[in-house]
N, C-alpha and C. Protein backbone atom coordinates (compact mmCIF):
# COMPACT_ATOMS: atom_id res chain seq x y z
N UNK A 1 60.92 103.23 22.81
CA UNK A 1 59.99 103.26 23.82
C UNK A 1 60.29 101.98 24.58
N UNK A 2 60.38 102.04 26.03
CA UNK A 2 60.33 100.69 26.79
C UNK A 2 58.99 100.29 26.96
N UNK A 3 58.58 98.85 27.65
CA UNK A 3 57.49 98.32 27.75
C UNK A 3 56.76 99.31 28.95
N UNK A 4 57.58 99.77 30.14
CA UNK A 4 57.07 100.55 30.88
C UNK A 4 56.47 101.93 30.42
N UNK A 5 57.00 102.44 29.61
CA UNK A 5 56.86 103.73 28.93
C UNK A 5 55.49 103.41 28.14
N UNK A 6 55.45 102.51 27.30
CA UNK A 6 54.52 102.05 26.47
C UNK A 6 53.03 102.06 27.47
N UNK A 7 53.32 101.20 28.50
CA UNK A 7 52.40 101.14 29.53
C UNK A 7 51.66 102.26 30.21
N UNK A 8 52.74 103.22 30.54
CA UNK A 8 52.21 104.48 31.07
C UNK A 8 51.57 105.33 30.07
N UNK A 9 52.19 105.31 28.63
CA UNK A 9 51.51 106.14 27.84
C UNK A 9 49.93 105.66 27.35
N UNK A 10 49.97 104.39 27.23
CA UNK A 10 48.47 103.84 27.12
C UNK A 10 47.46 103.87 28.12
N UNK A 11 48.02 103.81 29.33
CA UNK A 11 46.99 104.03 30.39
C UNK A 11 46.64 105.43 30.70
N UNK A 12 47.53 106.23 30.31
CA UNK A 12 47.18 107.75 30.44
C UNK A 12 46.92 108.75 29.30
N UNK A 13 46.24 107.59 28.24
CA UNK A 13 45.63 108.28 27.04
C UNK A 13 46.59 109.13 26.31
N UNK A 14 47.84 108.82 26.15
CA UNK A 14 48.70 109.74 25.50
C UNK A 14 49.08 108.93 24.18
N UNK A 15 48.44 107.73 23.70
CA UNK A 15 48.58 107.29 22.57
C UNK A 15 46.97 107.34 21.73
N UNK A 16 47.16 108.27 20.49
CA UNK A 16 45.72 108.58 19.78
C UNK A 16 45.61 107.56 18.79
N UNK A 17 44.74 106.39 19.45
CA UNK A 17 44.42 105.42 18.51
C UNK A 17 42.96 105.01 19.15
N UNK A 18 42.36 105.95 19.50
CA UNK A 18 40.78 105.68 19.76
C UNK A 18 40.59 104.82 21.11
N UNK A 19 41.57 104.89 21.84
CA UNK A 19 41.60 103.77 23.52
C UNK A 19 41.73 102.31 22.71
N UNK A 20 42.18 102.07 21.60
CA UNK A 20 42.60 100.52 21.53
C UNK A 20 43.82 100.08 22.30
N UNK A 21 44.86 100.80 22.40
CA UNK A 21 46.00 100.53 23.32
C UNK A 21 45.63 100.51 24.74
N UNK A 22 44.70 101.29 25.13
CA UNK A 22 44.33 101.34 26.65
C UNK A 22 43.55 99.94 26.81
N UNK A 23 42.64 99.89 25.85
CA UNK A 23 41.90 98.60 26.26
C UNK A 23 42.89 97.36 26.13
N UNK A 24 43.84 97.27 25.29
CA UNK A 24 44.72 95.99 25.09
C UNK A 24 45.35 96.02 26.29
N UNK A 25 46.12 97.24 26.79
CA UNK A 25 46.98 97.01 27.85
C UNK A 25 46.35 96.69 29.09
N UNK A 26 45.09 97.13 29.09
CA UNK A 26 44.11 96.70 30.60
C UNK A 26 43.89 95.15 30.45
N UNK A 27 43.53 94.53 29.28
CA UNK A 27 43.25 92.97 29.07
C UNK A 27 44.12 92.34 29.31
N UNK A 28 45.35 92.68 28.61
CA UNK A 28 46.49 91.59 28.47
C UNK A 28 47.39 91.78 29.81
N UNK A 29 47.44 93.02 30.25
CA UNK A 29 48.40 93.13 31.46
C UNK A 29 48.09 93.45 32.87
N UNK A 30 46.59 93.31 33.01
CA UNK A 30 45.98 93.40 34.30
C UNK A 30 45.28 92.10 34.46
N UNK A 31 45.81 91.51 35.69
CA UNK A 31 45.10 90.01 35.99
C UNK A 31 43.68 90.54 36.79
N UNK A 32 43.00 89.40 36.87
CA UNK A 32 41.74 89.96 37.59
C UNK A 32 42.05 90.27 38.93
N UNK A 33 41.34 91.61 39.31
CA UNK A 33 41.57 92.08 40.72
C UNK A 33 40.67 91.28 41.93
N UNK A 34 39.73 90.29 41.29
CA UNK A 34 38.79 89.68 42.32
C UNK A 34 39.14 88.29 42.69
N UNK A 35 38.68 87.86 43.76
CA UNK A 35 38.89 86.52 44.15
C UNK A 35 37.36 85.89 43.82
N UNK A 36 37.62 84.59 43.85
CA UNK A 36 36.34 83.91 43.54
C UNK A 36 35.30 84.14 44.45
N UNK A 37 34.07 84.59 44.18
CA UNK A 37 32.91 84.83 44.94
C UNK A 37 32.92 86.49 45.38
N UNK A 38 33.79 87.10 44.82
CA UNK A 38 33.46 88.57 45.09
C UNK A 38 32.34 89.05 44.20
N UNK A 39 31.24 89.62 44.84
CA UNK A 39 30.27 90.31 44.11
C UNK A 39 30.44 91.35 43.01
N UNK A 40 31.56 92.03 43.20
CA UNK A 40 31.95 93.18 42.57
C UNK A 40 32.49 92.70 41.19
N UNK A 41 32.88 91.41 40.98
CA UNK A 41 33.33 90.92 39.72
C UNK A 41 32.08 90.92 38.71
N UNK A 42 32.23 91.62 37.60
CA UNK A 42 31.11 91.30 36.43
C UNK A 42 30.72 90.07 36.21
N UNK A 43 31.59 88.99 36.33
CA UNK A 43 31.30 87.72 35.98
C UNK A 43 30.75 86.96 37.29
N UNK A 44 30.54 87.46 38.47
CA UNK A 44 29.98 86.77 39.52
C UNK A 44 28.48 86.16 39.05
N UNK A 45 28.40 84.80 39.40
CA UNK A 45 27.21 84.21 39.12
C UNK A 45 26.63 84.25 37.69
N UNK A 46 27.59 84.42 36.72
CA UNK A 46 27.15 84.50 35.31
C UNK A 46 27.31 83.43 34.58
N UNK A 47 27.93 82.15 35.25
CA UNK A 47 28.31 80.83 34.54
C UNK A 47 29.00 81.13 33.54
N UNK A 48 30.45 81.91 33.44
CA UNK A 48 30.95 81.94 32.40
C UNK A 48 32.07 80.86 32.88
N UNK A 49 32.47 80.30 31.59
CA UNK A 49 33.45 79.21 31.80
C UNK A 49 34.88 79.59 31.68
N UNK A 50 35.16 81.02 30.84
CA UNK A 50 36.52 81.42 30.82
C UNK A 50 36.32 82.85 30.58
N UNK A 51 37.51 83.56 31.03
CA UNK A 51 37.62 85.06 30.71
C UNK A 51 37.79 85.33 29.37
N UNK A 52 36.98 86.32 29.04
CA UNK A 52 37.14 86.86 27.55
C UNK A 52 37.38 88.42 27.57
N UNK A 53 37.96 89.15 26.71
CA UNK A 53 38.10 90.50 26.63
C UNK A 53 36.93 91.15 26.69
N UNK A 54 35.90 90.54 25.98
CA UNK A 54 34.29 91.44 26.24
C UNK A 54 33.85 91.40 27.54
N UNK A 55 34.04 90.37 28.39
CA UNK A 55 33.50 90.57 29.55
C UNK A 55 34.55 90.99 30.80
N UNK A 56 35.89 90.95 30.40
CA UNK A 56 36.90 91.22 31.52
C UNK A 56 37.11 92.74 31.34
N UNK A 57 37.50 93.25 29.98
CA UNK A 57 37.87 94.81 30.01
C UNK A 57 36.98 95.70 30.76
N UNK A 58 35.55 95.63 30.64
CA UNK A 58 34.62 96.60 31.48
C UNK A 58 34.97 96.60 32.90
N UNK A 59 35.05 95.26 33.42
CA UNK A 59 35.25 95.05 34.96
C UNK A 59 36.67 95.44 35.50
N UNK A 60 37.93 95.30 34.74
CA UNK A 60 39.06 95.79 35.19
C UNK A 60 39.16 97.51 34.70
N UNK A 61 38.55 97.85 33.94
CA UNK A 61 38.62 99.17 33.60
C UNK A 61 37.92 99.82 34.85
N UNK A 62 36.65 99.37 35.44
CA UNK A 62 35.75 99.75 36.39
C UNK A 62 36.74 99.72 37.78
N UNK A 63 37.62 98.95 38.11
CA UNK A 63 38.18 98.58 38.89
C UNK A 63 39.40 99.37 38.97
N UNK A 64 40.10 99.70 37.90
CA UNK A 64 41.15 100.79 37.89
C UNK A 64 40.70 102.05 38.29
N UNK A 65 39.38 102.41 38.20
CA UNK A 65 38.92 103.92 38.21
C UNK A 65 38.31 104.13 39.75
N UNK A 66 38.28 102.60 40.53
CA UNK A 66 37.65 102.84 42.02
C UNK A 66 38.74 102.98 42.77
N UNK A 67 38.32 103.50 44.05
CA UNK A 67 39.24 103.85 45.23
C UNK A 67 39.85 102.68 45.70
N UNK A 68 41.13 102.73 46.13
CA UNK A 68 41.93 101.43 46.69
C UNK A 68 41.00 100.72 47.71
N UNK A 69 40.93 99.64 47.97
CA UNK A 69 40.37 99.04 49.21
C UNK A 69 41.54 99.15 50.36
N UNK A 70 40.80 99.24 51.50
CA UNK A 70 41.74 99.56 52.48
C UNK A 70 41.46 98.33 53.42
């Protein structure tokens, strides 16, 4: 399995591990989609000094499921 095949499988829920591979793929392979000051970011005005899986995964997951900005 190539890295591309693994990413596609994990992002399309084809790996039966309770969503762990999906969460790991999103956290480690998707950069923050927001610029500083973007109010849509979950960390906006939260005083977080560094990104963490606990804070960033839900934000990235939400972004992946949003319509594309035009």
